[in-house]
Amino acid sequence: MKNKNFAVIKCPKCGYEYLPAEIIFPNSLIGKPRDIIRDENGSIEFFNGDTLNTHEEFDCENCGVAFEVETTMTFTTSYDTKTDFDEEYETTIYKNRIKLEEPKW
């Protein structure tokens, strides 16, 4: 029985399956930026080098048809609130203890 817990790219004509690494080269996908210039807020204003390449052309090894692959990428960010010391937090050391509130001036 096949384990299909992996991504595949299928030829649109014959359905022949490829693993993404067979068609898409990682270095060309994510690019290779260098000499990155940012403003005072951290926004990128300019860079040299290559950016993302989400488009690839490939010839099917089974039927010979040329097809195109378009990759979509999503980036999600988060941070660990336990290590962010700019926000107030409390740590319970002992359960069933009295908690004293600090006065709000």
PDB file of N, CA and C in Angstrom:
ATOM      1  N   MET A   1       0.832  -1.179   0.000  1.00  0.00           N
ATOM      2  CA  MET A   1       0.000   0.000   0.000  1.00  0.00           C
ATOM      3  C   MET A   1       0.876   1.242   0.000  1.00  0.00           C
ATOM      4  N   LYS A   2       0.555   2.210  -0.865  1.00  0.00           N
ATOM      5  CA  LYS A   2       1.343   3.429  -0.986  1.00  0.00           C
ATOM      6  C   LYS A   2       0.995   4.422   0.114  1.00  0.00           C
ATOM      7  N   ASN A   3       2.011   5.089   0.614  1.00  0.00           N
ATOM      8  CA  ASN A   3       1.833   6.165   1.574  1.00  0.00           C
ATOM      9  C   ASN A   3       1.845   7.474   0.794  1.00  0.00           C
ATOM     10  N   LYS A   4       0.717   8.155   0.653  1.00  0.00           N
ATOM     11  CA  LYS A   4       0.619   9.383  -0.145  1.00  0.00           C
ATOM     12  C   LYS A   4       0.653  10.637   0.727  1.00  0.00           C
ATOM     13  N   ASN A   5       1.441  10.637   1.798  1.00  0.00           N
ATOM     14  CA  ASN A   5       1.580  11.812   2.644  1.00  0.00           C
ATOM     15  C   ASN A   5       2.734  12.681   2.165  1.00  0.00           C
ATOM     16  N   PHE A   6       2.758  12.977   0.860  1.00  0.00           N
ATOM     17  CA  PHE A   6       3.779  13.841   0.302  1.00  0.00           C
ATOM     18  C   PHE A   6       3.209  14.548  -0.910  1.00  0.00           C
ATOM     19  N   ALA A   7       3.795  15.663  -1.259  1.00  0.00           N
ATOM     20  CA  ALA A   7       3.310  16.461  -2.388  1.00  0.00           C
ATOM     21  C   ALA A   7       3.844  15.885  -3.692  1.00  0.00           C
ATOM     22  N   VAL A   8       3.009  15.891  -4.713  1.00  0.00           N
ATOM     23  CA  VAL A   8       3.425  15.458  -6.045  1.00  0.00           C
ATOM     24  C   VAL A   8       2.988  16.502  -7.070  1.00  0.00           C
ATOM     25  N   ILE A   9       3.711  16.530  -8.173  1.00  0.00           N
ATOM     26  CA  ILE A   9       3.346  17.335  -9.332  1.00  0.00           C
ATOM     27  C   ILE A   9       2.997  16.350 -10.429  1.00  0.00           C
ATOM     28  N   LYS A  10       1.793  16.500 -11.011  1.00  0.00           N
ATOM     29  CA  LYS A  10       1.349  15.563 -12.048  1.00  0.00           C
ATOM     30  C   LYS A  10       1.407  16.217 -13.417  1.00  0.00           C
ATOM     31  N   CYS A  11       1.813  15.440 -14.406  1.00  0.00           N
ATOM     32  CA  CYS A  11       1.757  15.883 -15.793  1.00  0.00           C
ATOM     33  C   CYS A  11       0.286  16.110 -16.137  1.00  0.00           C
ATOM     34  N   PRO A  12      -0.061  17.277 -16.703  1.00  0.00           N
ATOM     35  CA  PRO A  12      -1.469  17.539 -17.001  1.00  0.00           C
ATOM     36  C   PRO A  12      -2.029  16.683 -18.139  1.00  0.00           C
ATOM     37  N   LYS A  13      -1.165  16.035 -18.922  1.00  0.00           N
ATOM     38  CA  LYS A  13      -1.645  15.219 -20.028  1.00  0.00           C
ATOM     39  C   LYS A  13      -1.795  13.750 -19.641  1.00  0.00           C
ATOM     40  N   CYS A  14      -0.710  13.146 -19.114  1.00  0.00           N
ATOM     41  CA  CYS A  14      -0.748  11.702 -18.849  1.00  0.00           C
ATOM     42  C   CYS A  14      -0.871  11.348 -17.366  1.00  0.00           C
ATOM     43  N   GLY A  15      -0.714  12.326 -16.455  1.00  0.00           N
ATOM     44  CA  GLY A  15      -0.841  12.052 -15.023  1.00  0.00           C
ATOM     45  C   GLY A  15       0.404  11.482 -14.371  1.00  0.00           C
ATOM     46  N   TYR A  16       1.520  11.393 -15.109  1.00  0.00           N
ATOM     47  CA  TYR A  16       2.777  10.896 -14.550  1.00  0.00           C
ATOM     48  C   TYR A  16       3.174  11.791 -13.380  1.00  0.00           C
ATOM     49  N   GLU A  17       3.594  11.188 -12.280  1.00  0.00           N
ATOM     50  CA  GLU A  17       3.862  11.945 -11.060  1.00  0.00           C
ATOM     51  C   GLU A  17       5.348  12.214 -10.864  1.00  0.00           C
ATOM     52  N   TYR A  18       5.620  13.395 -10.341  1.00  0.00           N
ATOM     53  CA  TYR A  18       6.990  13.814 -10.011  1.00  0.00           C
ATOM     54  C   TYR A  18       6.998  14.366  -8.598  1.00  0.00           C
ATOM     55  N   LEU A  19       8.097  14.176  -7.916  1.00  0.00           N
ATOM     56  CA  LEU A  19       8.302  14.863  -6.651  1.00  0.00           C
ATOM     57  C   LEU A  19       8.747  16.287  -6.975  1.00  0.00           C
ATOM     58  N   PRO A  20       8.380  17.273  -6.154  1.00  0.00           N
ATOM     59  CA  PRO A  20       8.743  18.652  -6.465  1.00  0.00           C
ATOM     60  C   PRO A  20      10.242  18.860  -6.683  1.00  0.00           C
ATOM     61  N   ALA A  21      11.079  18.157  -5.960  1.00  0.00           N
ATOM     62  CA  ALA A  21      12.523  18.328  -6.107  1.00  0.00           C
ATOM     63  C   ALA A  21      13.045  17.836  -7.456  1.00  0.00           C
ATOM     64  N   GLU A  22      12.244  17.037  -8.178  1.00  0.00           N
ATOM     65  CA  GLU A  22      12.651  16.597  -9.508  1.00  0.00           C
ATOM     66  C   GLU A  22      12.491  17.707 -10.544  1.00  0.00           C
ATOM     67  N   ILE A  23      11.609  18.661 -10.267  1.00  0.00           N
ATOM     68  CA  ILE A  23      11.306  19.713 -11.229  1.00  0.00           C
ATOM     69  C   ILE A  23      11.819  21.070 -10.758  1.00  0.00           C
ATOM     70  N   ILE A  24      11.621  21.362  -9.496  1.00  0.00           N
ATOM     71  CA  ILE A  24      11.947  22.677  -8.952  1.00  0.00           C
ATOM     72  C   ILE A  24      13.260  22.594  -8.185  1.00  0.00           C
ATOM     73  N   PHE A  25      14.197  23.468  -8.530  1.00  0.00           N
ATOM     74  CA  PHE A  25      15.475  23.519  -7.846  1.00  0.00           C
ATOM     75  C   PHE A  25      15.364  24.484  -6.672  1.00  0.00           C
ATOM     76  N   PRO A  26      15.690  24.019  -5.457  1.00  0.00           N
ATOM     77  CA  PRO A  26      15.489  24.854  -4.262  1.00  0.00           C
ATOM     78  C   PRO A  26      16.161  26.224  -4.333  1.00  0.00           C
ATOM     79  N   ASN A  27      17.391  26.292  -4.832  1.00  0.00           N
ATOM     80  CA  ASN A  27      18.076  27.582  -4.865  1.00  0.00           C
ATOM     81  C   ASN A  27      17.401  28.560  -5.809  1.00  0.00           C
ATOM     82  N   SER A  28      16.861  28.084  -6.931  1.00  0.00           N
ATOM     83  CA  SER A  28      16.178  29.001  -7.829  1.00  0.00           C
ATOM     84  C   SER A  28      14.803  29.371  -7.286  1.00  0.00           C
ATOM     85  N   LEU A  29      14.190  28.502  -6.495  1.00  0.00           N
ATOM     86  CA  LEU A  29      12.872  28.793  -5.931  1.00  0.00           C
ATOM     87  C   LEU A  29      12.946  29.940  -4.936  1.00  0.00           C
ATOM     88  N   ILE A  30      13.849  29.866  -3.973  1.00  0.00           N
ATOM     89  CA  ILE A  30      13.913  30.903  -2.934  1.00  0.00           C
ATOM     90  C   ILE A  30      14.805  32.070  -3.322  1.00  0.00           C
ATOM     91  N   GLY A  31      15.540  31.947  -4.415  1.00  0.00           N
ATOM     92  CA  GLY A  31      16.387  33.046  -4.857  1.00  0.00           C
ATOM     93  C   GLY A  31      17.678  33.139  -4.064  1.00  0.00           C
ATOM     94  N   LYS A  32      18.464  34.152  -4.404  1.00  0.00           N
ATOM     95  CA  LYS A  32      19.723  34.378  -3.703  1.00  0.00           C
ATOM     96  C   LYS A  32      19.970  35.885  -3.630  1.00  0.00           C
ATOM     97  N   PRO A  33      19.264  36.566  -2.717  1.00  0.00           N
ATOM     98  CA  PRO A  33      19.451  38.006  -2.599  1.00  0.00           C
ATOM     99  C   PRO A  33      20.752  38.335  -1.869  1.00  0.00           C
ATOM    100  N   ARG A  34      21.308  39.475  -2.203  1.00  0.00           N
ATOM    101  CA  ARG A  34      22.512  39.955  -1.506  1.00  0.00           C
ATOM    102  C   ARG A  34      22.484  41.480  -1.523  1.00  0.00           C
ATOM    103  N   ASP A  35      23.310  42.099  -0.740  1.00  0.00           N
ATOM    104  CA  ASP A  35      23.388  43.560  -0.643  1.00  0.00           C
ATOM    105  C   ASP A  35      22.005  44.160  -0.378  1.00  0.00           C
ATOM    106  N   ILE A  36      21.355  43.695   0.676  1.00  0.00           N
ATOM    107  CA  ILE A  36      19.998  44.135   0.996  1.00  0.00           C
ATOM    108  C   ILE A  36      20.052  45.482   1.717  1.00  0.00           C
ATOM    109  N   ILE A  37      19.282  46.445   1.214  1.00  0.00           N
ATOM    110  CA  ILE A  37      19.217  47.780   1.809  1.00  0.00           C
ATOM    111  C   ILE A  37      17.820  47.974   2.386  1.00  0.00           C
ATOM    112  N   ARG A  38      17.789  48.322   3.691  1.00  0.00           N
ATOM    113  CA  ARG A  38      16.518  48.530   4.393  1.00  0.00           C
ATOM    114  C   ARG A  38      16.424  49.970   4.891  1.00  0.00           C
ATOM    115  N   ASP A  39      15.184  50.455   5.065  1.00  0.00           N
ATOM    116  CA  ASP A  39      14.998  51.776   5.659  1.00  0.00           C
ATOM    117  C   ASP A  39      15.039  51.654   7.183  1.00  0.00           C
ATOM    118  N   GLU A  40      14.794  52.769   7.874  1.00  0.00           N
ATOM    119  CA  GLU A  40      14.897  52.773   9.338  1.00  0.00           C
ATOM    120  C   GLU A  40      13.849  51.907  10.021  1.00  0.00           C
ATOM    121  N   ASN A  41      12.765  51.551   9.312  1.00  0.00           N
ATOM    122  CA  ASN A  41      11.733  50.678   9.876  1.00  0.00           C
ATOM    123  C   ASN A  41      11.942  49.206   9.538  1.00  0.00           C
ATOM    124  N   GLY A  42      12.969  48.896   8.778  1.00  0.00           N
ATOM    125  CA  GLY A  42      13.254  47.509   8.426  1.00  0.00           C
ATOM    126  C   GLY A  42      12.640  47.057   7.118  1.00  0.00           C
ATOM    127  N   SER A  43      11.943  47.944   6.399  1.00  0.00           N
ATOM    128  CA  SER A  43      11.365  47.582   5.101  1.00  0.00           C
ATOM    129  C   SER A  43      12.462  47.536   4.046  1.00  0.00           C
ATOM    130  N   ILE A  44      12.422  46.533   3.201  1.00  0.00           N
ATOM    131  CA  ILE A  44      13.430  46.383   2.165  1.00  0.00           C
ATOM    132  C   ILE A  44      13.168  47.390   1.055  1.00  0.00           C
ATOM    133  N   GLU A  45      14.177  48.179   0.747  1.00  0.00           N
ATOM    134  CA  GLU A  45      14.063  49.172  -0.321  1.00  0.00           C
ATOM    135  C   GLU A  45      14.711  48.693  -1.608  1.00  0.00           C
ATOM    136  N   PHE A  46      15.795  47.919  -1.491  1.00  0.00           N
ATOM    137  CA  PHE A  46      16.545  47.502  -2.673  1.00  0.00           C
ATOM    138  C   PHE A  46      17.414  46.300  -2.319  1.00  0.00           C
ATOM    139  N   PHE A  47      17.675  45.441  -3.315  1.00  0.00           N
ATOM    140  CA  PHE A  47      18.647  44.372  -3.145  1.00  0.00           C
ATOM    141  C   PHE A  47      19.177  43.966  -4.508  1.00  0.00           C
ATOM    142  N   ASN A  48      20.350  43.385  -4.513  1.00  0.00           N
ATOM    143  CA  ASN A  48      20.930  42.785  -5.711  1.00  0.00           C
ATOM    144  C   ASN A  48      20.704  41.286  -5.633  1.00  0.00           C
ATOM    145  N   GLY A  49      20.847  40.616  -6.755  1.00  0.00           N
ATOM    146  CA  GLY A  49      20.713  39.163  -6.772  1.00  0.00           C
ATOM    147  C   GLY A  49      19.362  38.733  -7.290  1.00  0.00           C
ATOM    148  N   ASP A  50      19.012  37.505  -6.975  1.00  0.00           N
ATOM    149  CA  ASP A  50      17.792  36.901  -7.498  1.00  0.00           C
ATOM    150  C   ASP A  50      16.709  36.849  -6.432  1.00  0.00           C
ATOM    151  N   THR A  51      15.465  37.024  -6.863  1.00  0.00           N
ATOM    152  CA  THR A  51      14.309  36.911  -5.986  1.00  0.00           C
ATOM    153  C   THR A  51      13.652  35.548  -6.210  1.00  0.00           C
ATOM    154  N   LEU A  52      12.487  35.330  -5.636  1.00  0.00           N
ATOM    155  CA  LEU A  52      11.749  34.075  -5.808  1.00  0.00           C
ATOM    156  C   LEU A  52      11.488  33.789  -7.286  1.00  0.00           C
ATOM    157  N   ASN A  53      11.622  32.524  -7.660  1.00  0.00           N
ATOM    158  CA  ASN A  53      11.247  32.086  -8.996  1.00  0.00           C
ATOM    159  C   ASN A  53      10.188  31.004  -8.826  1.00  0.00           C
ATOM    160  N   THR A  54       8.933  31.385  -8.976  1.00  0.00           N
ATOM    161  CA  THR A  54       7.836  30.461  -8.715  1.00  0.00           C
ATOM    162  C   THR A  54       7.300  29.804  -9.984  1.00  0.00           C
ATOM    163  N   HIS A  55       7.972  30.017 -11.103  1.00  0.00           N
ATOM    164  CA  HIS A  55       7.523  29.464 -12.381  1.00  0.00           C
ATOM    165  C   HIS A  55       8.611  28.547 -12.952  1.00  0.00           C
ATOM    166  N   GLU A  56       8.214  27.364 -13.386  1.00  0.00           N
ATOM    167  CA  GLU A  56       9.162  26.401 -13.965  1.00  0.00           C
ATOM    168  C   GLU A  56       8.511  25.721 -15.155  1.00  0.00           C
ATOM    169  N   GLU A  57       9.311  25.456 -16.175  1.00  0.00           N
ATOM    170  CA  GLU A  57       8.855  24.698 -17.340  1.00  0.00           C
ATOM    171  C   GLU A  57       9.562  23.351 -17.335  1.00  0.00           C
ATOM    172  N   PHE A  58       8.820  22.293 -17.750  1.00  0.00           N
ATOM    173  CA  PHE A  58       9.352  20.941 -17.657  1.00  0.00           C
ATOM    174  C   PHE A  58       8.785  20.087 -18.785  1.00  0.00           C
ATOM    175  N   ASP A  59       9.588  19.172 -19.311  1.00  0.00           N
ATOM    176  CA  ASP A  59       9.141  18.214 -20.320  1.00  0.00           C
ATOM    177  C   ASP A  59       8.894  16.876 -19.639  1.00  0.00           C
ATOM    178  N   CYS A  60       7.681  16.347 -19.782  1.00  0.00           N
ATOM    179  CA  CYS A  60       7.315  15.083 -19.147  1.00  0.00           C
ATOM    180  C   CYS A  60       8.196  13.956 -19.696  1.00  0.00           C
ATOM    181  N   GLU A  61       8.730  13.158 -18.800  1.00  0.00           N
ATOM    182  CA  GLU A  61       9.596  12.042 -19.194  1.00  0.00           C
ATOM    183  C   GLU A  61       8.787  10.858 -19.704  1.00  0.00           C
ATOM    184  N   ASN A  62       7.479  10.869 -19.470  1.00  0.00           N
ATOM    185  CA  ASN A  62       6.629   9.764 -19.897  1.00  0.00           C
ATOM    186  C   ASN A  62       6.017  10.013 -21.275  1.00  0.00           C
ATOM    187  N   CYS A  63       5.348  11.166 -21.463  1.00  0.00           N
ATOM    188  CA  CYS A  63       4.654  11.414 -22.725  1.00  0.00           C
ATOM    189  C   CYS A  63       5.328  12.483 -23.582  1.00  0.00           C
ATOM    190  N   GLY A  64       6.308  13.203 -23.026  1.00  0.00           N
ATOM    191  CA  GLY A  64       7.052  14.185 -23.792  1.00  0.00           C
ATOM    192  C   GLY A  64       6.423  15.556 -23.897  1.00  0.00           C
ATOM    193  N   VAL A  65       5.237  15.768 -23.330  1.00  0.00           N
ATOM    194  CA  VAL A  65       4.591  17.065 -23.421  1.00  0.00           C
ATOM    195  C   VAL A  65       5.301  18.067 -22.507  1.00  0.00           C
ATOM    196  N   ALA A  66       5.429  19.308 -22.991  1.00  0.00           N
ATOM    197  CA  ALA A  66       5.992  20.380 -22.169  1.00  0.00           C
ATOM    198  C   ALA A  66       4.874  20.985 -21.332  1.00  0.00           C
ATOM    199  N   PHE A  67       5.107  21.117 -20.033  1.00  0.00           N
ATOM    200  CA  PHE A  67       4.109  21.744 -19.174  1.00  0.00           C
ATOM    201  C   PHE A  67       4.772  22.716 -18.218  1.00  0.00           C
ATOM    202  N   GLU A  68       3.961  23.589 -17.655  1.00  0.00           N
ATOM    203  CA  GLU A  68       4.451  24.609 -16.747  1.00  0.00           C
ATOM    204  C   GLU A  68       3.966  24.340 -15.329  1.00  0.00           C
ATOM    205  N   VAL A  69       4.816  24.653 -14.380  1.00  0.00           N
ATOM    206  CA  VAL A  69       4.485  24.491 -12.969  1.00  0.00           C
ATOM    207  C   VAL A  69       4.573  25.862 -12.313  1.00  0.00           C
ATOM    208  N   GLU A  70       3.510  26.258 -11.653  1.00  0.00           N
ATOM    209  CA  GLU A  70       3.478  27.516 -10.910  1.00  0.00           C
ATOM    210  C   GLU A  70       3.409  27.172  -9.429  1.00  0.00           C
ATOM    211  N   THR A  71       4.363  27.669  -8.669  1.00  0.00           N
ATOM    212  CA  THR A  71       4.441  27.389  -7.235  1.00  0.00           C
ATOM    213  C   THR A  71       3.867  28.561  -6.457  1.00  0.00           C
ATOM    214  N   THR A  72       3.072  28.279  -5.448  1.00  0.00           N
ATOM    215  CA  THR A  72       2.596  29.325  -4.546  1.00  0.00           C
ATOM    216  C   THR A  72       3.225  29.086  -3.182  1.00  0.00           C
ATOM    217  N   MET A  73       3.694  30.158  -2.582  1.00  0.00           N
ATOM    218  CA  MET A  73       4.338  30.046  -1.274  1.00  0.00           C
ATOM    219  C   MET A  73       3.596  30.940  -0.291  1.00  0.00           C
ATOM    220  N   THR A  74       3.488  30.463   0.939  1.00  0.00           N
ATOM    221  CA  THR A  74       2.871  31.226   2.011  1.00  0.00           C
ATOM    222  C   THR A  74       3.823  31.230   3.195  1.00  0.00           C
ATOM    223  N   PHE A  75       3.990  32.380   3.796  1.00  0.00           N
ATOM    224  CA  PHE A  75       4.838  32.502   4.969  1.00  0.00           C
ATOM    225  C   PHE A  75       3.989  32.971   6.141  1.00  0.00           C
ATOM    226  N   THR A  76       4.070  32.267   7.254  1.00  0.00           N
ATOM    227  CA  THR A  76       3.344  32.616   8.464  1.00  0.00           C
ATOM    228  C   THR A  76       4.351  32.861   9.562  1.00  0.00           C
ATOM    229  N   THR A  77       4.197  33.960  10.278  1.00  0.00           N
ATOM    230  CA  THR A  77       5.135  34.271  11.350  1.00  0.00           C
ATOM    231  C   THR A  77       4.410  34.331  12.689  1.00  0.00           C
ATOM    232  N   SER A  78       5.133  34.038  13.749  1.00  0.00           N
ATOM    233  CA  SER A  78       4.638  34.164  15.112  1.00  0.00           C
ATOM    234  C   SER A  78       5.851  34.297  16.021  1.00  0.00           C
ATOM    235  N   TYR A  79       5.622  34.697  17.231  1.00  0.00           N
ATOM    236  CA  TYR A  79       6.725  34.771  18.179  1.00  0.00           C
ATOM    237  C   TYR A  79       6.307  34.151  19.497  1.00  0.00           C
ATOM    238  N   ASP A  80       7.289  33.782  20.278  1.00  0.00           N
ATOM    239  CA  ASP A  80       7.053  33.135  21.560  1.00  0.00           C
ATOM    240  C   ASP A  80       6.803  34.206  22.609  1.00  0.00           C
ATOM    241  N   THR A  81       5.580  34.291  23.093  1.00  0.00           N
ATOM    242  CA  THR A  81       5.235  35.323  24.072  1.00  0.00           C
ATOM    243  C   THR A  81       5.936  35.105  25.412  1.00  0.00           C
ATOM    244  N   LYS A  82       6.428  33.903  25.656  1.00  0.00           N
ATOM    245  CA  LYS A  82       7.122  33.636  26.916  1.00  0.00           C
ATOM    246  C   LYS A  82       8.505  34.269  26.952  1.00  0.00           C
ATOM    247  N   THR A  83       9.070  34.580  25.795  1.00  0.00           N
ATOM    248  CA  THR A  83      10.400  35.193  25.758  1.00  0.00           C
ATOM    249  C   THR A  83      10.343  36.662  25.381  1.00  0.00           C
ATOM    250  N   ASP A  84       9.139  37.234  25.214  1.00  0.00           N
ATOM    251  CA  ASP A  84       8.979  38.650  24.908  1.00  0.00           C
ATOM    252  C   ASP A  84       8.812  39.392  26.225  1.00  0.00           C
ATOM    253  N   PHE A  85       9.868  40.057  26.672  1.00  0.00           N
ATOM    254  CA  PHE A  85       9.841  40.713  27.973  1.00  0.00           C
ATOM    255  C   PHE A  85       9.322  42.147  27.897  1.00  0.00           C
ATOM    256  N   ASP A  86       8.801  42.559  26.751  1.00  0.00           N
ATOM    257  CA  ASP A  86       8.180  43.875  26.637  1.00  0.00           C
ATOM    258  C   ASP A  86       6.741  43.847  27.142  1.00  0.00           C
ATOM    259  N   GLU A  87       6.142  42.682  27.200  1.00  0.00           N
ATOM    260  CA  GLU A  87       4.767  42.528  27.680  1.00  0.00           C
ATOM    261  C   GLU A  87       4.782  41.986  29.104  1.00  0.00           C
ATOM    262  N   GLU A  88       3.771  42.405  29.881  1.00  0.00           N
ATOM    263  CA  GLU A  88       3.670  41.902  31.249  1.00  0.00           C
ATOM    264  C   GLU A  88       3.250  40.441  31.241  1.00  0.00           C
ATOM    265  N   TYR A  89       3.774  39.704  32.177  1.00  0.00           N
ATOM    266  CA  TYR A  89       3.432  38.293  32.287  1.00  0.00           C
ATOM    267  C   TYR A  89       3.563  37.887  33.742  1.00  0.00           C
ATOM    268  N   GLU A  90       3.043  36.729  34.061  1.00  0.00           N
ATOM    269  CA  GLU A  90       3.182  36.202  35.413  1.00  0.00           C
ATOM    270  C   GLU A  90       3.488  34.721  35.338  1.00  0.00           C
ATOM    271  N   THR A  91       4.262  34.282  36.283  1.00  0.00           N
ATOM    272  CA  THR A  91       4.643  32.881  36.354  1.00  0.00           C
ATOM    273  C   THR A  91       4.167  32.320  37.686  1.00  0.00           C
ATOM    274  N   THR A  92       3.409  31.261  37.650  1.00  0.00           N
ATOM    275  CA  THR A  92       2.935  30.628  38.870  1.00  0.00           C
ATOM    276  C   THR A  92       3.986  29.630  39.339  1.00  0.00           C
ATOM    277  N   ILE A  93       4.528  29.869  40.507  1.00  0.00           N
ATOM    278  CA  ILE A  93       5.543  28.959  41.050  1.00  0.00           C
ATOM    279  C   ILE A  93       4.879  27.896  41.914  1.00  0.00           C
ATOM    280  N   TYR A  94       3.963  28.327  42.740  1.00  0.00           N
ATOM    281  CA  TYR A  94       3.257  27.398  43.618  1.00  0.00           C
ATOM    282  C   TYR A  94       1.757  27.527  43.377  1.00  0.00           C
ATOM    283  N   LYS A  95       1.077  26.416  43.312  1.00  0.00           N
ATOM    284  CA  LYS A  95      -0.372  26.442  43.182  1.00  0.00           C
ATOM    285  C   LYS A  95      -0.991  26.721  44.549  1.00  0.00           C
ATOM    286  N   ASN A  96      -2.224  27.198  44.552  1.00  0.00           N
ATOM    287  CA  ASN A  96      -2.991  27.454  45.774  1.00  0.00           C
ATOM    288  C   ASN A  96      -2.313  28.483  46.677  1.00  0.00           C
ATOM    289  N   ARG A  97      -1.767  29.534  46.082  1.00  0.00           N
ATOM    290  CA  ARG A  97      -1.156  30.605  46.866  1.00  0.00           C
ATOM    291  C   ARG A  97      -1.906  31.899  46.617  1.00  0.00           C
ATOM    292  N   ILE A  98      -1.735  32.823  47.520  1.00  0.00           N
ATOM    293  CA  ILE A  98      -2.382  34.131  47.387  1.00  0.00           C
ATOM    294  C   ILE A  98      -1.610  34.950  46.364  1.00  0.00           C
ATOM    295  N   LYS A  99      -2.368  35.634  45.528  1.00  0.00           N
ATOM    296  CA  LYS A  99      -1.767  36.487  44.511  1.00  0.00           C
ATOM    297  C   LYS A  99      -2.029  37.934  44.903  1.00  0.00           C
ATOM    298  N   LEU A 100      -0.969  38.723  45.050  1.00  0.00           N
ATOM    299  CA  LEU A 100      -1.100  40.123  45.399  1.00  0.00           C
ATOM    300  C   LEU A 100      -0.995  40.954  44.132  1.00  0.00           C
ATOM    301  N   GLU A 101      -1.964  41.822  43.939  1.00  0.00           N
ATOM    302  CA  GLU A 101      -1.966  42.705  42.769  1.00  0.00           C
ATOM    303  C   GLU A 101      -1.111  43.923  43.058  1.00  0.00           C
ATOM    304  N   GLU A 102      -0.400  44.414  42.064  1.00  0.00           N
ATOM    305  CA  GLU A 102       0.337  45.651  42.205  1.00  0.00           C
ATOM    306  C   GLU A 102      -0.620  46.807  41.990  1.00  0.00           C
ATOM    307  N   PRO A 103      -0.426  47.897  42.741  1.00  0.00           N
ATOM    308  CA  PRO A 103      -1.338  49.042  42.545  1.00  0.00           C
ATOM    309  C   PRO A 103      -1.106  49.683  41.179  1.00  0.00           C
ATOM    310  N   LYS A 104      -2.169  50.157  40.571  1.00  0.00           N
ATOM    311  CA  LYS A 104      -2.087  50.839  39.288  1.00  0.00           C
ATOM    312  C   LYS A 104      -2.048  52.325  39.556  1.00  0.00           C
ATOM    313  N   TRP A 105      -0.962  52.946  39.381  1.00  0.00           N
ATOM    314  CA  TRP A 105      -0.765  54.365  39.703  1.00  0.00           C
ATOM    315  C   TRP A 105      -1.249  55.221  38.619  1.00  0.00           C
TER     316      TRP A 105
END
